[in-house]
N, C-alpha and C. Protein backbone atom coordinates (compact mmCIF):
# COMPACT_ATOMS: atom_id res chain seq x y z
N MET A 1 0.82 -0.95 -0.16
CA MET A 1 0.15 0.16 0.01
C MET A 1 0.91 1.21 -0.02
N GLN A 2 0.28 2.14 -0.73
CA GLN A 2 1.06 3.55 -0.83
C GLN A 2 0.26 4.34 -0.16
N VAL A 3 0.69 5.60 0.50
CA VAL A 3 -0.14 6.57 0.88
C VAL A 3 0.46 7.92 0.21
N THR A 4 -0.44 8.50 -0.40
CA THR A 4 0.16 9.85 -1.17
C THR A 4 0.05 11.16 0.18
N ALA A 5 0.61 12.04 -0.45
CA ALA A 5 0.98 13.43 0.30
C ALA A 5 -0.44 13.96 0.82
N GLY A 6 -1.53 13.65 0.08
CA GLY A 6 -2.94 13.87 0.38
C GLY A 6 -3.59 12.96 1.19
N HIS A 7 -2.98 11.88 1.67
CA HIS A 7 -3.61 10.95 2.44
C HIS A 7 -4.57 9.89 1.70
N THR A 8 -4.34 9.73 0.50
CA THR A 8 -4.94 8.96 -0.29
C THR A 8 -4.21 7.67 -0.24
N ARG A 9 -4.96 6.50 -0.33
CA ARG A 9 -4.22 5.38 -0.09
C ARG A 9 -4.26 4.48 -1.56
N LEU A 10 -3.36 4.12 -1.98
CA LEU A 10 -3.27 3.19 -3.08
C LEU A 10 -2.98 1.84 -2.85
N MET A 11 -3.65 0.79 -3.18
CA MET A 11 -3.51 -0.54 -2.77
C MET A 11 -3.56 -1.32 -3.74
N LEU A 12 -2.53 -2.50 -3.74
CA LEU A 12 -2.61 -3.34 -4.89
C LEU A 12 -2.46 -4.61 -4.24
N LEU A 13 -3.26 -5.55 -4.82
CA LEU A 13 -3.54 -7.09 -4.40
C LEU A 13 -2.68 -7.90 -5.39
N TYR A 14 -1.79 -8.64 -5.15
CA TYR A 14 -1.28 -9.40 -6.18
C TYR A 14 -0.71 -10.55 -5.70
N ASP A 15 -0.55 -11.55 -6.58
CA ASP A 15 -0.12 -12.81 -6.22
C ASP A 15 1.23 -12.94 -6.25
N SER A 16 2.17 -12.40 -7.26
CA SER A 16 3.54 -12.65 -7.09
C SER A 16 4.30 -11.46 -6.46
N ARG A 17 5.47 -11.97 -5.88
CA ARG A 17 6.23 -10.94 -5.16
C ARG A 17 7.40 -10.04 -6.05
N ASN A 18 7.31 -8.98 -6.70
CA ASN A 18 8.20 -8.45 -7.68
C ASN A 18 8.38 -6.90 -7.14
N ASP A 19 9.39 -6.85 -6.17
CA ASP A 19 9.27 -5.36 -5.36
C ASP A 19 9.75 -4.43 -6.19
N ASP A 20 10.41 -4.37 -7.52
CA ASP A 20 10.85 -3.63 -8.09
C ASP A 20 9.81 -3.32 -9.30
N GLY A 21 9.28 -4.05 -9.56
CA GLY A 21 7.89 -3.89 -10.44
C GLY A 21 6.86 -3.33 -9.66
N ILE A 22 6.67 -3.70 -8.39
CA ILE A 22 5.59 -2.91 -7.73
C ILE A 22 5.68 -1.49 -7.19
N LYS A 23 7.15 -1.23 -7.08
CA LYS A 23 7.59 0.18 -6.89
C LYS A 23 7.43 0.90 -7.96
N SER A 24 7.67 0.38 -9.25
CA SER A 24 7.64 1.30 -10.50
C SER A 24 6.12 1.61 -10.73
N PHE A 25 5.49 0.49 -10.43
CA PHE A 25 3.93 0.58 -10.81
C PHE A 25 3.42 1.67 -10.00
N PHE A 26 3.58 1.72 -8.72
CA PHE A 26 3.06 2.72 -7.86
C PHE A 26 3.72 4.04 -7.97
N GLN A 27 4.84 4.23 -8.53
CA GLN A 27 5.34 5.56 -9.07
C GLN A 27 4.52 6.16 -10.04
N GLU A 28 4.32 5.25 -11.11
CA GLU A 28 3.56 5.72 -12.28
C GLU A 28 2.05 5.93 -12.12
N VAL A 29 1.41 5.17 -11.34
CA VAL A 29 0.26 5.28 -10.94
C VAL A 29 -0.06 6.55 -10.21
N HIS A 30 0.93 6.92 -9.24
CA HIS A 30 0.93 7.93 -8.47
C HIS A 30 0.98 9.35 -9.54
N GLU A 31 2.09 9.27 -10.51
CA GLU A 31 1.99 10.38 -11.63
C GLU A 31 0.86 10.48 -12.30
N LEU A 32 0.13 9.36 -12.67
CA LEU A 32 -1.15 9.33 -13.45
C LEU A 32 -2.18 10.07 -12.48
N TYR A 33 -2.15 9.64 -11.21
CA TYR A 33 -3.18 10.19 -10.20
C TYR A 33 -3.12 11.79 -10.02
N ILE A 34 -2.02 12.10 -9.97
CA ILE A 34 -1.53 13.65 -9.82
C ILE A 34 -2.13 14.31 -11.12
N LYS A 35 -1.71 13.70 -12.43
CA LYS A 35 -2.04 14.40 -13.30
C LYS A 35 -3.94 14.59 -13.51
N THR A 36 -4.31 13.56 -13.12
CA THR A 36 -5.77 13.57 -13.01
C THR A 36 -6.40 14.44 -12.14
N LEU A 37 -5.56 14.72 -11.06
CA LEU A 37 -6.35 15.81 -9.99
C LEU A 37 -6.08 17.23 -10.63
N LEU A 38 -4.98 17.23 -11.47
CA LEU A 38 -4.77 18.80 -11.84
C LEU A 38 -5.44 19.17 -13.08
N ASN A 39 -6.23 18.01 -13.66
CA ASN A 39 -7.20 18.37 -14.78
C ASN A 39 -8.13 19.36 -14.35
N PRO A 40 -8.25 20.33 -15.17
CA PRO A 40 -9.16 21.36 -14.90
C PRO A 40 -10.90 20.93 -14.55
N THR A 41 -11.20 19.70 -15.47
CA THR A 41 -12.42 19.25 -15.53
C THR A 41 -12.59 18.13 -14.29
N TYR A 42 -11.59 17.91 -13.46
CA TYR A 42 -11.70 16.93 -12.27
C TYR A 42 -12.52 17.99 -11.16
N LEU A 43 -13.37 17.44 -10.61
CA LEU A 43 -14.03 17.99 -9.43
C LEU A 43 -13.28 17.39 -8.12
N PRO A 44 -12.51 18.11 -7.45
CA PRO A 44 -11.91 17.77 -5.99
C PRO A 44 -12.88 16.92 -5.18
N GLY A 45 -12.22 15.86 -4.69
CA GLY A 45 -13.01 14.98 -3.83
C GLY A 45 -13.98 14.14 -4.51
N SER A 46 -14.27 14.28 -5.84
CA SER A 46 -15.04 13.03 -6.58
C SER A 46 -14.28 11.85 -6.91
N ARG A 47 -14.98 10.82 -7.15
CA ARG A 47 -14.55 9.62 -7.68
C ARG A 47 -14.06 9.64 -9.07
N ILE A 48 -12.78 9.21 -9.44
CA ILE A 48 -12.10 9.15 -10.66
C ILE A 48 -12.87 7.97 -11.43
N THR A 49 -13.64 8.54 -12.57
CA THR A 49 -14.46 7.43 -13.50
C THR A 49 -13.97 7.53 -14.70
N SER A 50 -12.84 8.15 -14.93
CA SER A 50 -12.25 8.11 -16.40
C SER A 50 -11.88 6.93 -16.85
N SER A 51 -12.42 6.60 -18.02
CA SER A 51 -11.95 5.31 -18.74
C SER A 51 -10.58 5.37 -19.09
N HIS A 52 -10.01 6.64 -19.47
CA HIS A 52 -8.74 6.94 -19.91
C HIS A 52 -7.65 6.21 -18.68
N PHE A 53 -8.05 6.71 -17.46
CA PHE A 53 -7.28 6.49 -16.28
C PHE A 53 -7.33 4.96 -16.06
N ASP A 54 -8.43 4.19 -16.22
CA ASP A 54 -8.35 2.88 -15.94
C ASP A 54 -7.72 2.30 -16.98
N THR A 55 -7.69 2.59 -18.27
CA THR A 55 -6.93 1.82 -19.46
C THR A 55 -5.32 2.07 -18.91
N LYS A 56 -5.01 3.23 -18.72
CA LYS A 56 -3.68 3.51 -18.41
C LYS A 56 -2.98 2.56 -16.96
N VAL A 57 -4.06 2.53 -16.06
CA VAL A 57 -3.57 1.70 -15.00
C VAL A 57 -3.55 0.33 -15.27
N ARG A 58 -4.31 -0.20 -16.00
CA ARG A 58 -4.41 -1.44 -16.53
C ARG A 58 -3.13 -1.73 -17.46
N ALA A 59 -2.69 -0.71 -18.15
CA ALA A 59 -1.58 -0.87 -19.25
C ALA A 59 -0.28 -0.92 -18.10
N LEU A 60 -0.11 -0.07 -17.17
CA LEU A 60 0.91 -0.24 -16.16
C LEU A 60 0.73 -1.55 -15.53
N GLU A 61 -0.20 -2.08 -15.18
CA GLU A 61 -0.35 -3.62 -14.57
C GLU A 61 0.36 -4.56 -15.47
N ARG A 62 0.04 -4.51 -16.73
CA ARG A 62 0.82 -5.22 -17.49
C ARG A 62 2.19 -5.16 -17.64
N LYS A 63 2.53 -4.07 -17.60
CA LYS A 63 3.92 -3.47 -17.73
C LYS A 63 4.80 -4.00 -16.72
N TYR A 64 4.36 -3.79 -15.50
CA TYR A 64 5.19 -4.01 -14.35
C TYR A 64 4.94 -5.29 -13.43
N LEU A 65 3.80 -5.72 -13.63
CA LEU A 65 3.40 -6.82 -12.89
C LEU A 65 3.25 -8.19 -13.64
């Protein structure tokens, strides 16, 4: 689990143990999360429902895990 500076928790449930891949995955997901929060159309405190965000996270999963 990773906790952001804004106290948002990012949790990953996964079978294998690949510490370097998990670290890289969280770093890139966190960067994507920040970019989403900085988007002027995002309403602060709302749920992220972007299909683009979901697609990118799934691509990062395939890349690192």
